[in-house]
PDB file of N, CA and C in Angstrom:
ATOM      1  N   GLN A   1       0.850  -1.188   0.000  1.00  0.00           N
ATOM      2  CA  GLN A   1       0.000   0.000   0.000  1.00  0.00           C
ATOM      3  C   GLN A   1       0.886   1.239   0.000  1.00  0.00           C
ATOM      4  N   LEU A   2       0.576   2.175  -0.878  1.00  0.00           N
ATOM      5  CA  LEU A   2       1.347   3.405  -0.980  1.00  0.00           C
ATOM      6  C   LEU A   2       0.836   4.398   0.051  1.00  0.00           C
ATOM      7  N   ARG A   3       1.753   4.897   0.865  1.00  0.00           N
ATOM      8  CA  ARG A   3       1.347   5.832   1.905  1.00  0.00           C
ATOM      9  C   ARG A   3       2.415   6.868   2.147  1.00  0.00           C
ATOM     10  N   LEU A   4       1.957   8.056   2.539  1.00  0.00           N
ATOM     11  CA  LEU A   4       2.802   9.079   3.140  1.00  0.00           C
ATOM     12  C   LEU A   4       2.263   9.305   4.541  1.00  0.00           C
ATOM     13  N   VAL A   5       3.143   9.272   5.513  1.00  0.00           N
ATOM     14  CA  VAL A   5       2.710   9.417   6.897  1.00  0.00           C
ATOM     15  C   VAL A   5       3.505  10.530   7.557  1.00  0.00           C
ATOM     16  N   GLU A   6       2.786  11.541   8.027  1.00  0.00           N
ATOM     17  CA  GLU A   6       3.410  12.642   8.741  1.00  0.00           C
ATOM     18  C   GLU A   6       3.426  12.357  10.247  1.00  0.00           C
ATOM     19  N   SER A   7       4.425  12.896  10.903  1.00  0.00           N
ATOM     20  CA  SER A   7       4.501  12.809  12.360  1.00  0.00           C
ATOM     21  C   SER A   7       5.314  13.985  12.870  1.00  0.00           C
ATOM     22  N   GLY A   8       5.298  14.163  14.173  1.00  0.00           N
ATOM     23  CA  GLY A   8       6.107  15.203  14.787  1.00  0.00           C
ATOM     24  C   GLY A   8       5.344  16.427  15.223  1.00  0.00           C
ATOM     25  N   GLY A   9       4.071  16.476  14.898  1.00  0.00           N
ATOM     26  CA  GLY A   9       3.266  17.605  15.348  1.00  0.00           C
ATOM     27  C   GLY A   9       3.016  17.537  16.842  1.00  0.00           C
ATOM     28  N   GLY A  10       2.431  18.595  17.343  1.00  0.00           N
ATOM     29  CA  GLY A  10       2.128  18.627  18.769  1.00  0.00           C
ATOM     30  C   GLY A  10       1.873  20.032  19.242  1.00  0.00           C
ATOM     31  N   LEU A  11       1.906  20.192  20.558  1.00  0.00           N
ATOM     32  CA  LEU A  11       1.699  21.489  21.191  1.00  0.00           C
ATOM     33  C   LEU A  11       3.048  22.081  21.558  1.00  0.00           C
ATOM     34  N   VAL A  12       3.263  23.324  21.173  1.00  0.00           N
ATOM     35  CA  VAL A  12       4.523  23.995  21.464  1.00  0.00           C
ATOM     36  C   VAL A  12       4.223  25.429  21.867  1.00  0.00           C
ATOM     37  N   GLN A  13       5.057  25.981  22.706  1.00  0.00           N
ATOM     38  CA  GLN A  13       4.895  27.372  23.122  1.00  0.00           C
ATOM     39  C   GLN A  13       5.360  28.318  22.025  1.00  0.00           C
ATOM     40  N   PRO A  14       4.833  29.518  22.009  1.00  0.00           N
ATOM     41  CA  PRO A  14       5.323  30.511  21.035  1.00  0.00           C
ATOM     42  C   PRO A  14       6.837  30.663  21.129  1.00  0.00           C
ATOM     43  N   GLY A  15       7.459  30.714  19.980  1.00  0.00           N
ATOM     44  CA  GLY A  15       8.914  30.777  19.924  1.00  0.00           C
ATOM     45  C   GLY A  15       9.596  29.433  19.923  1.00  0.00           C
ATOM     46  N   GLY A  16       8.832  28.383  20.116  1.00  0.00           N
ATOM     47  CA  GLY A  16       9.391  27.045  20.165  1.00  0.00           C
ATOM     48  C   GLY A  16       9.606  26.439  18.793  1.00  0.00           C
ATOM     49  N   SER A  17      10.031  25.185  18.799  1.00  0.00           N
ATOM     50  CA  SER A  17      10.380  24.485  17.560  1.00  0.00           C
ATOM     51  C   SER A  17       9.739  23.103  17.525  1.00  0.00           C
ATOM     52  N   LEU A  18       9.517  22.647  16.323  1.00  0.00           N
ATOM     53  CA  LEU A  18       9.092  21.280  16.057  1.00  0.00           C
ATOM     54  C   LEU A  18       9.761  20.810  14.781  1.00  0.00           C
ATOM     55  N   ARG A  19       9.962  19.518  14.689  1.00  0.00           N
ATOM     56  CA  ARG A  19      10.432  18.933  13.429  1.00  0.00           C
ATOM     57  C   ARG A  19       9.414  17.903  12.977  1.00  0.00           C
ATOM     58  N   LEU A  20       8.846  18.148  11.821  1.00  0.00           N
ATOM     59  CA  LEU A  20       7.901  17.208  11.230  1.00  0.00           C
ATOM     60  C   LEU A  20       8.644  16.230  10.334  1.00  0.00           C
ATOM     61  N   SER A  21       8.123  15.026  10.275  1.00  0.00           N
ATOM     62  CA  SER A  21       8.673  13.999   9.391  1.00  0.00           C
ATOM     63  C   SER A  21       7.584  13.509   8.454  1.00  0.00           C
ATOM     64  N   CYS A  22       7.991  13.150   7.286  1.00  0.00           N
ATOM     65  CA  CYS A  22       7.088  12.571   6.278  1.00  0.00           C
ATOM     66  C   CYS A  22       7.767  11.318   5.767  1.00  0.00           C
ATOM     67  N   VAL A  23       7.192  10.181   6.088  1.00  0.00           N
ATOM     68  CA  VAL A  23       7.784   8.900   5.727  1.00  0.00           C
ATOM     69  C   VAL A  23       6.925   8.231   4.661  1.00  0.00           C
ATOM     70  N   ALA A  24       7.581   7.704   3.649  1.00  0.00           N
ATOM     71  CA  ALA A  24       6.874   6.986   2.592  1.00  0.00           C
ATOM     72  C   ALA A  24       6.939   5.496   2.852  1.00  0.00           C
ATOM     73  N   SER A  25       5.854   4.841   2.540  1.00  0.00           N
ATOM     74  CA  SER A  25       5.858   3.381   2.560  1.00  0.00           C
ATOM     75  C   SER A  25       5.219   2.881   1.282  1.00  0.00           C
ATOM     76  N   GLY A  26       5.736   1.791   0.782  1.00  0.00           N
ATOM     77  CA  GLY A  26       5.224   1.229  -0.455  1.00  0.00           C
ATOM     78  C   GLY A  26       5.857   1.794  -1.707  1.00  0.00           C
ATOM     79  N   PHE A  27       6.664   2.836  -1.554  1.00  0.00           N
ATOM     80  CA  PHE A  27       7.396   3.396  -2.692  1.00  0.00           C
ATOM     81  C   PHE A  27       8.586   4.183  -2.147  1.00  0.00           C
ATOM     82  N   THR A  28       9.506   4.536  -3.028  1.00  0.00           N
ATOM     83  CA  THR A  28      10.676   5.294  -2.591  1.00  0.00           C
ATOM     84  C   THR A  28      10.480   6.762  -2.910  1.00  0.00           C
ATOM     85  N   LEU A  29      10.882   7.586  -1.971  1.00  0.00           N
ATOM     86  CA  LEU A  29      10.694   9.023  -2.108  1.00  0.00           C
ATOM     87  C   LEU A  29      11.737   9.679  -2.999  1.00  0.00           C
ATOM     88  N   ASP A  30      12.818   8.996  -3.303  1.00  0.00           N
ATOM     89  CA  ASP A  30      13.935   9.692  -3.930  1.00  0.00           C
ATOM     90  C   ASP A  30      13.652  10.169  -5.348  1.00  0.00           C
ATOM     91  N   SER A  31      12.542   9.729  -5.930  1.00  0.00           N
ATOM     92  CA  SER A  31      12.177  10.212  -7.263  1.00  0.00           C
ATOM     93  C   SER A  31      11.200  11.377  -7.233  1.00  0.00           C
ATOM     94  N   TYR A  32      10.819  11.790  -6.038  1.00  0.00           N
ATOM     95  CA  TYR A  32       9.747  12.770  -5.924  1.00  0.00           C
ATOM     96  C   TYR A  32      10.180  14.004  -5.162  1.00  0.00           C
ATOM     97  N   ALA A  33       9.832  15.163  -5.722  1.00  0.00           N
ATOM     98  CA  ALA A  33       9.851  16.366  -4.906  1.00  0.00           C
ATOM     99  C   ALA A  33       8.689  16.277  -3.922  1.00  0.00           C
ATOM    100  N   ILE A  34       8.884  16.833  -2.742  1.00  0.00           N
ATOM    101  CA  ILE A  34       7.874  16.751  -1.697  1.00  0.00           C
ATOM    102  C   ILE A  34       7.513  18.147  -1.218  1.00  0.00           C
ATOM    103  N   GLY A  35       6.250  18.377  -1.116  1.00  0.00           N
ATOM    104  CA  GLY A  35       5.766  19.646  -0.599  1.00  0.00           C
ATOM    105  C   GLY A  35       5.184  19.484   0.790  1.00  0.00           C
ATOM    106  N   TRP A  36       5.251  20.574   1.544  1.00  0.00           N
ATOM    107  CA  TRP A  36       4.574  20.664   2.830  1.00  0.00           C
ATOM    108  C   TRP A  36       3.489  21.734   2.709  1.00  0.00           C
ATOM    109  N   PHE A  37       2.333  21.395   3.235  1.00  0.00           N
ATOM    110  CA  PHE A  37       1.199  22.301   3.212  1.00  0.00           C
ATOM    111  C   PHE A  37       0.595  22.364   4.608  1.00  0.00           C
ATOM    112  N   ARG A  38      -0.182  23.380   4.858  1.00  0.00           N
ATOM    113  CA  ARG A  38      -0.874  23.457   6.134  1.00  0.00           C
ATOM    114  C   ARG A  38      -2.258  24.055   5.924  1.00  0.00           C
ATOM    115  N   GLN A  39      -3.129  23.702   6.838  1.00  0.00           N
ATOM    116  CA  GLN A  39      -4.474  24.247   6.799  1.00  0.00           C
ATOM    117  C   GLN A  39      -4.920  24.572   8.215  1.00  0.00           C
ATOM    118  N   ALA A  40      -5.188  25.847   8.426  1.00  0.00           N
ATOM    119  CA  ALA A  40      -5.689  26.300   9.716  1.00  0.00           C
ATOM    120  C   ALA A  40      -7.216  26.242   9.709  1.00  0.00           C
ATOM    121  N   PRO A  41      -7.819  26.151  10.868  1.00  0.00           N
ATOM    122  CA  PRO A  41      -9.284  26.108  10.929  1.00  0.00           C
ATOM    123  C   PRO A  41      -9.906  27.315  10.244  1.00  0.00           C
ATOM    124  N   GLY A  42     -10.837  27.044   9.354  1.00  0.00           N
ATOM    125  CA  GLY A  42     -11.539  28.120   8.672  1.00  0.00           C
ATOM    126  C   GLY A  42     -10.758  28.795   7.575  1.00  0.00           C
ATOM    127  N   LYS A  43      -9.584  28.278   7.271  1.00  0.00           N
ATOM    128  CA  LYS A  43      -8.758  28.891   6.226  1.00  0.00           C
ATOM    129  C   LYS A  43      -8.474  27.891   5.118  1.00  0.00           C
ATOM    130  N   GLU A  44      -8.079  28.416   3.979  1.00  0.00           N
ATOM    131  CA  GLU A  44      -7.713  27.548   2.872  1.00  0.00           C
ATOM    132  C   GLU A  44      -6.338  26.939   3.108  1.00  0.00           C
ATOM    133  N   ARG A  45      -6.123  25.837   2.449  1.00  0.00           N
ATOM    134  CA  ARG A  45      -4.815  25.197   2.522  1.00  0.00           C
ATOM    135  C   ARG A  45      -3.742  26.118   1.942  1.00  0.00           C
ATOM    136  N   GLU A  46      -2.597  26.119   2.580  1.00  0.00           N
ATOM    137  CA  GLU A  46      -1.497  27.000   2.189  1.00  0.00           C
ATOM    138  C   GLU A  46      -0.244  26.178   1.936  1.00  0.00           C
ATOM    139  N   GLY A  47       0.419  26.443   0.822  1.00  0.00           N
ATOM    140  CA  GLY A  47       1.706  25.810   0.562  1.00  0.00           C
ATOM    141  C   GLY A  47       2.777  26.403   1.449  1.00  0.00           C
ATOM    142  N   VAL A  48       3.575  25.559   2.062  1.00  0.00           N
ATOM    143  CA  VAL A  48       4.612  26.007   2.993  1.00  0.00           C
ATOM    144  C   VAL A  48       5.998  25.872   2.386  1.00  0.00           C
ATOM    145  N   SER A  49       6.281  24.710   1.809  1.00  0.00           N
ATOM    146  CA  SER A  49       7.609  24.519   1.228  1.00  0.00           C
ATOM    147  C   SER A  49       7.560  23.409   0.201  1.00  0.00           C
ATOM    148  N   CYS A  50       8.574  23.400  -0.625  1.00  0.00           N
ATOM    149  CA  CYS A  50       8.782  22.299  -1.559  1.00  0.00           C
ATOM    150  C   CYS A  50      10.269  22.006  -1.599  1.00  0.00           C
ATOM    151  N   ILE A  51      10.606  20.738  -1.604  1.00  0.00           N
ATOM    152  CA  ILE A  51      12.002  20.328  -1.711  1.00  0.00           C
ATOM    153  C   ILE A  51      12.120  19.356  -2.868  1.00  0.00           C
ATOM    154  N   SER A  52      13.106  19.574  -3.721  1.00  0.00           N
ATOM    155  CA  SER A  52      13.282  18.731  -4.891  1.00  0.00           C
ATOM    156  C   SER A  52      13.693  17.321  -4.489  1.00  0.00           C
ATOM    157  N   SER A  53      13.649  16.427  -5.454  1.00  0.00           N
ATOM    158  CA  SER A  53      13.935  15.018  -5.162  1.00  0.00           C
ATOM    159  C   SER A  53      15.349  14.813  -4.625  1.00  0.00           C
ATOM    160  N   SER A  54      16.275  15.628  -5.093  1.00  0.00           N
ATOM    161  CA  SER A  54      17.658  15.506  -4.622  1.00  0.00           C
ATOM    162  C   SER A  54      17.929  16.359  -3.390  1.00  0.00           C
ATOM    163  N   GLY A  55      17.033  17.264  -3.109  1.00  0.00           N
ATOM    164  CA  GLY A  55      17.212  18.157  -1.967  1.00  0.00           C
ATOM    165  C   GLY A  55      17.968  19.419  -2.271  1.00  0.00           C
ATOM    166  N   ASP A  56      18.371  19.615  -3.525  1.00  0.00           N
ATOM    167  CA  ASP A  56      19.190  20.788  -3.831  1.00  0.00           C
ATOM    168  C   ASP A  56      18.373  22.031  -4.131  1.00  0.00           C
ATOM    169  N   ILE A  57      17.076  21.878  -4.273  1.00  0.00           N
ATOM    170  CA  ILE A  57      16.199  23.020  -4.508  1.00  0.00           C
ATOM    171  C   ILE A  57      15.120  23.033  -3.445  1.00  0.00           C
ATOM    172  N   THR A  58      14.960  24.175  -2.812  1.00  0.00           N
ATOM    173  CA  THR A  58      13.878  24.344  -1.846  1.00  0.00           C
ATOM    174  C   THR A  58      13.194  25.677  -2.108  1.00  0.00           C
ATOM    175  N   ASN A  59      11.912  25.705  -1.896  1.00  0.00           N
ATOM    176  CA  ASN A  59      11.126  26.926  -1.983  1.00  0.00           C
ATOM    177  C   ASN A  59      10.238  27.024  -0.760  1.00  0.00           C
ATOM    178  N   TYR A  60      10.011  28.257  -0.315  1.00  0.00           N
ATOM    179  CA  TYR A  60       9.252  28.475   0.904  1.00  0.00           C
ATOM    180  C   TYR A  60       8.243  29.599   0.712  1.00  0.00           C
ATOM    181  N   ALA A  61       7.156  29.499   1.427  1.00  0.00           N
ATOM    182  CA  ALA A  61       6.222  30.614   1.511  1.00  0.00           C
ATOM    183  C   ALA A  61       6.894  31.768   2.244  1.00  0.00           C
ATOM    184  N   ASP A  62       6.548  32.972   1.853  1.00  0.00           N
ATOM    185  CA  ASP A  62       7.155  34.144   2.500  1.00  0.00           C
ATOM    186  C   ASP A  62       6.922  34.127   4.007  1.00  0.00           C
ATOM    187  N   SER A  63       5.804  33.594   4.418  1.00  0.00           N
ATOM    188  CA  SER A  63       5.446  33.612   5.835  1.00  0.00           C
ATOM    189  C   SER A  63       6.344  32.729   6.690  1.00  0.00           C
ATOM    190  N   VAL A  64       7.096  31.817   6.069  1.00  0.00           N
ATOM    191  CA  VAL A  64       7.937  30.904   6.857  1.00  0.00           C
ATOM    192  C   VAL A  64       9.417  31.020   6.516  1.00  0.00           C
ATOM    193  N   LYS A  65       9.754  31.836   5.543  1.00  0.00           N
ATOM    194  CA  LYS A  65      11.166  31.977   5.160  1.00  0.00           C
ATOM    195  C   LYS A  65      12.001  32.426   6.346  1.00  0.00           C
ATOM    196  N   GLY A  66      13.140  31.771   6.509  1.00  0.00           N
ATOM    197  CA  GLY A  66      14.020  32.100   7.615  1.00  0.00           C
ATOM    198  C   GLY A  66      13.682  31.380   8.901  1.00  0.00           C
ATOM    199  N   ARG A  67      12.518  30.762   8.954  1.00  0.00           N
ATOM    200  CA  ARG A  67      12.108  30.035  10.166  1.00  0.00           C
ATOM    201  C   ARG A  67      11.975  28.540   9.929  1.00  0.00           C
ATOM    202  N   PHE A  68      11.528  28.154   8.748  1.00  0.00           N
ATOM    203  CA  PHE A  68      11.310  26.750   8.418  1.00  0.00           C
ATOM    204  C   PHE A  68      12.390  26.276   7.450  1.00  0.00           C
ATOM    205  N   THR A  69      12.783  25.028   7.604  1.00  0.00           N
ATOM    206  CA  THR A  69      13.770  24.434   6.711  1.00  0.00           C
ATOM    207  C   THR A  69      13.338  23.025   6.339  1.00  0.00           C
ATOM    208  N   ALA A  70      13.221  22.792   5.050  1.00  0.00           N
ATOM    209  CA  ALA A  70      12.909  21.451   4.557  1.00  0.00           C
ATOM    210  C   ALA A  70      14.209  20.716   4.244  1.00  0.00           C
ATOM    211  N   SER A  71      14.229  19.436   4.548  1.00  0.00           N
ATOM    212  CA  SER A  71      15.399  18.604   4.228  1.00  0.00           C
ATOM    213  C   SER A  71      14.896  17.194   3.960  1.00  0.00           C
ATOM    214  N   ARG A  72      15.796  16.363   3.508  1.00  0.00           N
ATOM    215  CA  ARG A  72      15.391  14.986   3.241  1.00  0.00           C
ATOM    216  C   ARG A  72      16.553  14.042   3.425  1.00  0.00           C
ATOM    217  N   ASP A  73      16.203  12.817   3.771  1.00  0.00           N
ATOM    218  CA  ASP A  73      17.166  11.726   3.866  1.00  0.00           C
ATOM    219  C   ASP A  73      16.579  10.606   3.028  1.00  0.00           C
ATOM    220  N   ASN A  74      16.994  10.544   1.793  1.00  0.00           N
ATOM    221  CA  ASN A  74      16.404   9.547   0.894  1.00  0.00           C
ATOM    222  C   ASN A  74      16.747   8.122   1.317  1.00  0.00           C
ATOM    223  N   ALA A  75      17.842   7.956   1.995  1.00  0.00           N
ATOM    224  CA  ALA A  75      18.193   6.618   2.490  1.00  0.00           C
ATOM    225  C   ALA A  75      17.178   6.131   3.523  1.00  0.00           C
ATOM    226  N   LYS A  76      16.561   7.088   4.229  1.00  0.00           N
ATOM    227  CA  LYS A  76      15.536   6.746   5.220  1.00  0.00           C
ATOM    228  C   LYS A  76      14.126   6.924   4.667  1.00  0.00           C
ATOM    229  N   ASN A  77      14.059   7.290   3.372  1.00  0.00           N
ATOM    230  CA  ASN A  77      12.742   7.481   2.750  1.00  0.00           C
ATOM    231  C   ASN A  77      11.912   8.514   3.494  1.00  0.00           C
ATOM    232  N   THR A  78      12.573   9.562   3.959  1.00  0.00           N
ATOM    233  CA  THR A  78      11.948  10.533   4.851  1.00  0.00           C
ATOM    234  C   THR A  78      12.288  11.959   4.431  1.00  0.00           C
ATOM    235  N   VAL A  79      11.287  12.818   4.539  1.00  0.00           N
ATOM    236  CA  VAL A  79      11.466  14.251   4.352  1.00  0.00           C
ATOM    237  C   VAL A  79      11.096  14.937   5.663  1.00  0.00           C
ATOM    238  N   TYR A  80      11.818  15.997   5.974  1.00  0.00           N
ATOM    239  CA  TYR A  80      11.630  16.691   7.241  1.00  0.00           C
ATOM    240  C   TYR A  80      11.239  18.155   6.998  1.00  0.00           C
ATOM    241  N   LEU A  81      10.577  18.707   7.981  1.00  0.00           N
ATOM    242  CA  LEU A  81      10.330  20.147   8.012  1.00  0.00           C
ATOM    243  C   LEU A  81      10.680  20.629   9.418  1.00  0.00           C
ATOM    244  N   GLN A  82      11.809  21.329   9.520  1.00  0.00           N
ATOM    245  CA  GLN A  82      12.212  21.916  10.784  1.00  0.00           C
ATOM    246  C   GLN A  82      11.538  23.272  10.915  1.00  0.00           C
ATOM    247  N   MET A  83      10.802  23.453  11.992  1.00  0.00           N
ATOM    248  CA  MET A  83      10.038  24.689  12.187  1.00  0.00           C
ATOM    249  C   MET A  83      10.515  25.372  13.462  1.00  0.00           C
ATOM    250  N   ASN A  84      11.043  26.558  13.313  1.00  0.00           N
ATOM    251  CA  ASN A  84      11.549  27.327  14.444  1.00  0.00           C
ATOM    252  C   ASN A  84      10.753  28.611  14.609  1.00  0.00           C
ATOM    253  N   SER A  85      10.889  29.218  15.767  1.00  0.00           N
ATOM    254  CA  SER A  85      10.222  30.490  16.069  1.00  0.00           C
ATOM    255  C   SER A  85       8.725  30.430  15.744  1.00  0.00           C
ATOM    256  N   LEU A  86       8.102  29.377  16.205  1.00  0.00           N
ATOM    257  CA  LEU A  86       6.692  29.165  15.892  1.00  0.00           C
ATOM    258  C   LEU A  86       5.819  30.210  16.569  1.00  0.00           C
ATOM    259  N   ASN A  87       4.759  30.587  15.884  1.00  0.00           N
ATOM    260  CA  ASN A  87       3.793  31.527  16.442  1.00  0.00           C
ATOM    261  C   ASN A  87       2.383  31.057  16.110  1.00  0.00           C
ATOM    262  N   SER A  88       1.408  31.809  16.543  1.00  0.00           N
ATOM    263  CA  SER A  88       0.022  31.374  16.394  1.00  0.00           C
ATOM    264  C   SER A  88      -0.401  31.270  14.934  1.00  0.00           C
ATOM    265  N   ASP A  89       0.276  31.994  14.057  1.00  0.00           N
ATOM    266  CA  ASP A  89      -0.049  31.900  12.627  1.00  0.00           C
ATOM    267  C   ASP A  89       0.354  30.558  12.022  1.00  0.00           C
ATOM    268  N   ASP A  90       1.147  29.806  12.749  1.00  0.00           N
ATOM    269  CA  ASP A  90       1.617  28.522  12.244  1.00  0.00           C
ATOM    270  C   ASP A  90       0.705  27.366  12.653  1.00  0.00           C
ATOM    271  N   ILE A  91      -0.330  27.667  13.391  1.00  0.00           N
ATOM    272  CA  ILE A  91      -1.251  26.614  13.828  1.00  0.00           C
ATOM    273  C   ILE A  91      -1.985  26.016  12.632  1.00  0.00           C
ATOM    274  N   GLY A  92      -2.111  24.700  12.646  1.00  0.00           N
ATOM    275  CA  GLY A  92      -2.861  24.044  11.595  1.00  0.00           C
ATOM    276  C   GLY A  92      -2.483  22.583  11.469  1.00  0.00           C
ATOM    277  N   VAL A  93      -3.132  21.928  10.539  1.00  0.00           N
ATOM    278  CA  VAL A  93      -2.763  20.562  10.197  1.00  0.00           C
ATOM    279  C   VAL A  93      -1.760  20.632   9.054  1.00  0.00           C
ATOM    280  N   TYR A  94      -0.656  19.962   9.226  1.00  0.00           N
ATOM    281  CA  TYR A  94       0.417  19.981   8.236  1.00  0.00           C
ATOM    282  C   TYR A  94       0.407  18.670   7.456  1.00  0.00           C
ATOM    283  N   TYR A  95       0.497  18.820   6.154  1.00  0.00           N
ATOM    284  CA  TYR A  95       0.467  17.680   5.251  1.00  0.00           C
ATOM    285  C   TYR A  95       1.732  17.665   4.394  1.00  0.00           C
ATOM    286  N   CYS A  96       2.197  16.477   4.082  1.00  0.00           N
ATOM    287  CA  CYS A  96       3.206  16.363   3.038  1.00  0.00           C
ATOM    288  C   CYS A  96       2.544  15.735   1.812  1.00  0.00           C
ATOM    289  N   ALA A  97       3.124  16.022   0.664  1.00  0.00           N
ATOM    290  CA  ALA A  97       2.542  15.542  -0.583  1.00  0.00           C
ATOM    291  C   ALA A  97       3.641  15.368  -1.616  1.00  0.00           C
ATOM    292  N   ALA A  98       3.437  14.428  -2.513  1.00  0.00           N
ATOM    293  CA  ALA A  98       4.401  14.147  -3.569  1.00  0.00           C
ATOM    294  C   ALA A  98       4.044  14.916  -4.834  1.00  0.00           C
ATOM    295  N   LEU A  99       5.044  15.578  -5.394  1.00  0.00           N
ATOM    296  CA  LEU A  99       4.825  16.369  -6.607  1.00  0.00           C
ATOM    297  C   LEU A  99       4.614  15.462  -7.812  1.00  0.00           C
ATOM    298  N   LYS A 100       3.664  15.831  -8.640  1.00  0.00           N
ATOM    299  CA  LYS A 100       3.449  15.086  -9.881  1.00  0.00           C
ATOM    300  C   LYS A 100       4.671  15.244 -10.785  1.00  0.00           C
ATOM    301  N   PRO A 101       4.904  14.265 -11.658  1.00  0.00           N
ATOM    302  CA  PRO A 101       6.071  14.353 -12.551  1.00  0.00           C
ATOM    303  C   PRO A 101       6.054  15.604 -13.419  1.00  0.00           C
ATOM    304  N   PHE A 102       7.232  16.148 -13.637  1.00  0.00           N
ATOM    305  CA  PHE A 102       7.450  17.266 -14.564  1.00  0.00           C
ATOM    306  C   PHE A 102       6.785  18.557 -14.122  1.00  0.00           C
ATOM    307  N   ARG A 103       6.418  18.659 -12.862  1.00  0.00           N
ATOM    308  CA  ARG A 103       5.870  19.897 -12.346  1.00  0.00           C
ATOM    309  C   ARG A 103       6.964  20.650 -11.607  1.00  0.00           C
ATOM    310  N   PRO A 104       6.914  21.977 -11.614  1.00  0.00           N
ATOM    311  CA  PRO A 104       7.935  22.737 -10.882  1.00  0.00           C
ATOM    312  C   PRO A 104       7.753  22.577  -9.377  1.00  0.00           C
ATOM    313  N   CYS A 105       8.839  22.605  -8.681  1.00  0.00           N
ATOM    314  CA  CYS A 105       8.809  22.459  -7.224  1.00  0.00           C
ATOM    315  C   CYS A 105       8.447  23.808  -6.608  1.00  0.00           C
ATOM    316  N   MET A 106       7.157  24.099  -6.662  1.00  0.00           N
ATOM    317  CA  MET A 106       6.642  25.335  -6.107  1.00  0.00           C
ATOM    318  C   MET A 106       5.576  24.983  -5.086  1.00  0.00           C
ATOM    319  N   LEU A 107       4.655  25.892  -4.846  1.00  0.00           N
ATOM    320  CA  LEU A 107       3.749  25.709  -3.707  1.00  0.00           C
ATOM    321  C   LEU A 107       2.291  25.556  -4.129  1.00  0.00           C
ATOM    322  N   GLY A 108       2.053  25.266  -5.390  1.00  0.00           N
ATOM    323  CA  GLY A 108       0.688  25.073  -5.860  1.00  0.00           C
ATOM    324  C   GLY A 108       0.179  23.688  -5.535  1.00  0.00           C
ATOM    325  N   GLY A 109      -0.854  23.596  -4.755  1.00  0.00           N
ATOM    326  CA  GLY A 109      -1.357  22.303  -4.318  1.00  0.00           C
ATOM    327  C   GLY A 109      -1.829  21.413  -5.450  1.00  0.00           C
ATOM    328  N   ALA A 110      -2.307  22.006  -6.532  1.00  0.00           N
ATOM    329  CA  ALA A 110      -2.832  21.205  -7.637  1.00  0.00           C
ATOM    330  C   ALA A 110      -1.749  20.395  -8.320  1.00  0.00           C
ATOM    331  N   ASP A 111      -0.502  20.767  -8.133  1.00  0.00           N
ATOM    332  CA  ASP A 111       0.615  20.048  -8.755  1.00  0.00           C
ATOM    333  C   ASP A 111       1.025  18.816  -7.965  1.00  0.00           C
ATOM    334  N   PHE A 112       0.387  18.591  -6.848  1.00  0.00           N
ATOM    335  CA  PHE A 112       0.753  17.469  -5.982  1.00  0.00           C
ATOM    336  C   PHE A 112      -0.330  16.406  -6.042  1.00  0.00           C
ATOM    337  N   GLY A 113       0.090  15.157  -6.185  1.00  0.00           N
ATOM    338  CA  GLY A 113      -0.896  14.125  -6.482  1.00  0.00           C
ATOM    339  C   GLY A 113      -1.074  13.071  -5.428  1.00  0.00           C
ATOM    340  N   PHE A 114      -0.282  13.096  -4.371  1.00  0.00           N
ATOM    341  CA  PHE A 114      -0.364  12.045  -3.373  1.00  0.00           C
ATOM    342  C   PHE A 114      -0.109  12.678  -2.020  1.00  0.00           C
ATOM    343  N   TRP A 115      -1.076  12.553  -1.111  1.00  0.00           N
ATOM    344  CA  TRP A 115      -1.053  13.292   0.132  1.00  0.00           C
ATOM    345  C   TRP A 115      -1.060  12.373   1.341  1.00  0.00           C
ATOM    346  N   GLY A 116      -0.411  12.846   2.412  1.00  0.00           N
ATOM    347  CA  GLY A 116      -0.521  12.163   3.679  1.00  0.00           C
ATOM    348  C   GLY A 116      -1.783  12.591   4.412  1.00  0.00           C
ATOM    349  N   GLN A 117      -1.949  12.067   5.623  1.00  0.00           N
ATOM    350  CA  GLN A 117      -3.155  12.332   6.406  1.00  0.00           C
ATOM    351  C   GLN A 117      -3.021  13.561   7.293  1.00  0.00           C
ATOM    352  N   GLY A 118      -1.832  14.038   7.498  1.00  0.00           N
ATOM    353  CA  GLY A 118      -1.643  15.265   8.254  1.00  0.00           C
ATOM    354  C   GLY A 118      -1.256  15.042   9.700  1.00  0.00           C
ATOM    355  N   THR A 119      -0.614  16.066  10.266  1.00  0.00           N
ATOM    356  CA  THR A 119      -0.271  16.072  11.680  1.00  0.00           C
ATOM    357  C   THR A 119      -0.564  17.463  12.224  1.00  0.00           C
ATOM    358  N   GLN A 120      -1.142  17.510  13.408  1.00  0.00           N
ATOM    359  CA  GLN A 120      -1.604  18.771  13.976  1.00  0.00           C
ATOM    360  C   GLN A 120      -0.454  19.506  14.665  1.00  0.00           C
ATOM    361  N   VAL A 121      -0.364  20.801  14.387  1.00  0.00           N
ATOM    362  CA  VAL A 121       0.585  21.681  15.071  1.00  0.00           C
ATOM    363  C   VAL A 121      -0.214  22.755  15.789  1.00  0.00           C
ATOM    364  N   THR A 122       0.018  22.872  17.080  1.00  0.00           N
ATOM    365  CA  THR A 122      -0.656  23.879  17.892  1.00  0.00           C
ATOM    366  C   THR A 122       0.387  24.700  18.623  1.00  0.00           C
ATOM    367  N   VAL A 123       0.233  25.999  18.571  1.00  0.00           N
ATOM    368  CA  VAL A 123       1.154  26.914  19.250  1.00  0.00           C
ATOM    369  C   VAL A 123       0.355  27.685  20.287  1.00  0.00           C
ATOM    370  N   SER A 124       0.724  27.479  21.527  1.00  0.00           N
ATOM    371  CA  SER A 124      -0.029  28.120  22.603  1.00  0.00           C
ATOM    372  C   SER A 124       0.808  28.148  23.863  1.00  0.00           C
ATOM    373  N   SER A 125       0.611  29.195  24.653  1.00  0.00           N
ATOM    374  CA  SER A 125       1.301  29.273  25.933  1.00  0.00           C
ATOM    375  C   SER A 125       0.421  28.681  27.038  1.00  0.00           C
TER     376      SER A 125
END
């Protein structure tokens, strides 16, 4: 069964950090660029980052630049999102998704064809 599974979410205080993981099962991630998206309650889904299959290209939403870092370990079939200096605007369910072939590694959700189930991130004191 082909799956993407996110983990690492949780409750963190403002200014804190979390590292999300996205693990693939049933296929290898090394051929796919991976995007991270989030959706806050009552808001539309927002693209957060994209990392190319080799990891040499990354793109970020302006709202997270300088705070979030995407990386990957293809040997572990895992992509990570390191999130620092978290604030209330970062609250939401975070999803990873695999980019469709021949699409640019940007933040458009329609270019992604395979999604995980999400992990909740809450920022609160």
